[in-house]
Amino acid sequence: MKTFEFEIDAKKNIIEIPSKYSQLYSKHMKVIILIAENEYDFSDVVGKLEWQGDAVKEQRTIRDEW
């Protein structure tokens, strides 16, 4: 399955496929529309989390779970 992702503003209810995806022109396709309405602003929590422990050890532990 091939996926293509791009953001664009619809004009007069028309969504134009960017030219870099010209291989999609005149093709049958399934369109999925996701609209981000309420994006969370993390600025109030930036810099407040402190890591305690060995970060490299934790990364290796997570990798071993795979």
Protein backbone atom coordinates (compact mmCIF):
# COMPACT_ATOMS: atom_id res chain seq x y z
CA MET A 1 0.00 0.00 0.00
CA LYS A 2 1.31 3.42 -0.91
CA THR A 3 0.54 6.45 1.20
CA PHE A 4 0.84 10.14 0.40
CA GLU A 5 0.53 12.91 2.92
CA PHE A 6 0.19 16.61 2.31
CA GLU A 7 -1.57 19.61 3.79
CA ILE A 8 -3.56 22.00 1.65
CA ASP A 9 -6.35 24.55 2.04
CA ALA A 10 -9.50 23.67 0.11
CA LYS A 11 -10.70 26.44 -2.20
CA LYS A 12 -14.37 26.47 -3.13
CA ASN A 13 -14.64 22.85 -1.90
CA ILE A 14 -11.85 21.73 -4.24
CA ILE A 15 -8.70 20.01 -3.00
CA GLU A 16 -5.88 20.20 -5.53
CA ILE A 17 -3.28 17.43 -5.61
CA PRO A 18 0.23 18.94 -5.43
CA SER A 19 2.32 18.52 -8.58
CA LYS A 20 4.90 16.37 -6.77
CA TYR A 21 2.17 13.69 -6.63
CA SER A 22 1.39 13.87 -10.35
CA GLN A 23 1.36 10.06 -10.49
CA LEU A 24 -2.02 10.28 -8.74
CA TYR A 25 -3.68 12.43 -11.41
CA SER A 26 -6.73 10.80 -13.00
CA LYS A 27 -6.49 7.76 -10.71
CA HIS A 28 -9.15 6.14 -8.60
CA MET A 29 -8.31 6.85 -4.96
CA LYS A 30 -9.68 6.64 -1.47
CA VAL A 31 -9.44 9.98 0.31
CA ILE A 32 -9.22 10.28 4.09
CA ILE A 33 -9.60 13.75 5.56
CA LEU A 34 -8.26 14.57 9.03
CA ILE A 35 -8.77 18.05 10.41
CA ALA A 36 -6.74 19.08 13.44
CA GLU A 37 -8.99 21.38 15.42
CA ASN A 38 -7.75 21.38 18.99
CA GLU A 39 -4.00 21.08 19.02
CA TYR A 40 -2.59 21.12 22.54
CA ASP A 41 -0.15 23.88 23.42
CA PHE A 42 2.64 22.28 25.47
CA SER A 43 4.35 25.59 26.31
CA ASP A 44 3.04 25.47 29.89
CA VAL A 45 4.88 22.20 30.63
CA VAL A 46 8.14 22.80 28.73
CA GLY A 47 11.18 22.29 30.95
CA LYS A 48 9.22 20.92 33.92
CA LEU A 49 9.97 17.22 33.43
CA GLU A 50 13.18 15.94 34.97
CA TRP A 51 14.57 12.52 34.03
CA GLN A 52 15.97 10.43 36.86
CA GLY A 53 17.91 7.37 35.87
CA ASP A 54 20.16 6.10 33.09
CA ALA A 55 18.63 7.12 29.74
CA VAL A 56 20.86 4.76 27.71
CA LYS A 57 19.93 1.81 29.92
CA GLU A 58 16.22 2.59 29.49
CA GLN A 59 16.60 2.82 25.70
CA ARG A 60 18.31 -0.58 25.62
CA THR A 61 15.55 -2.08 27.78
CA ILE A 62 12.88 -0.78 25.39
CA ARG A 63 14.82 -2.06 22.37
CA ASP A 64 15.07 -5.53 23.95
CA GLU A 65 11.26 -5.66 24.25
CA TRP A 66 10.96 -5.91 20.47
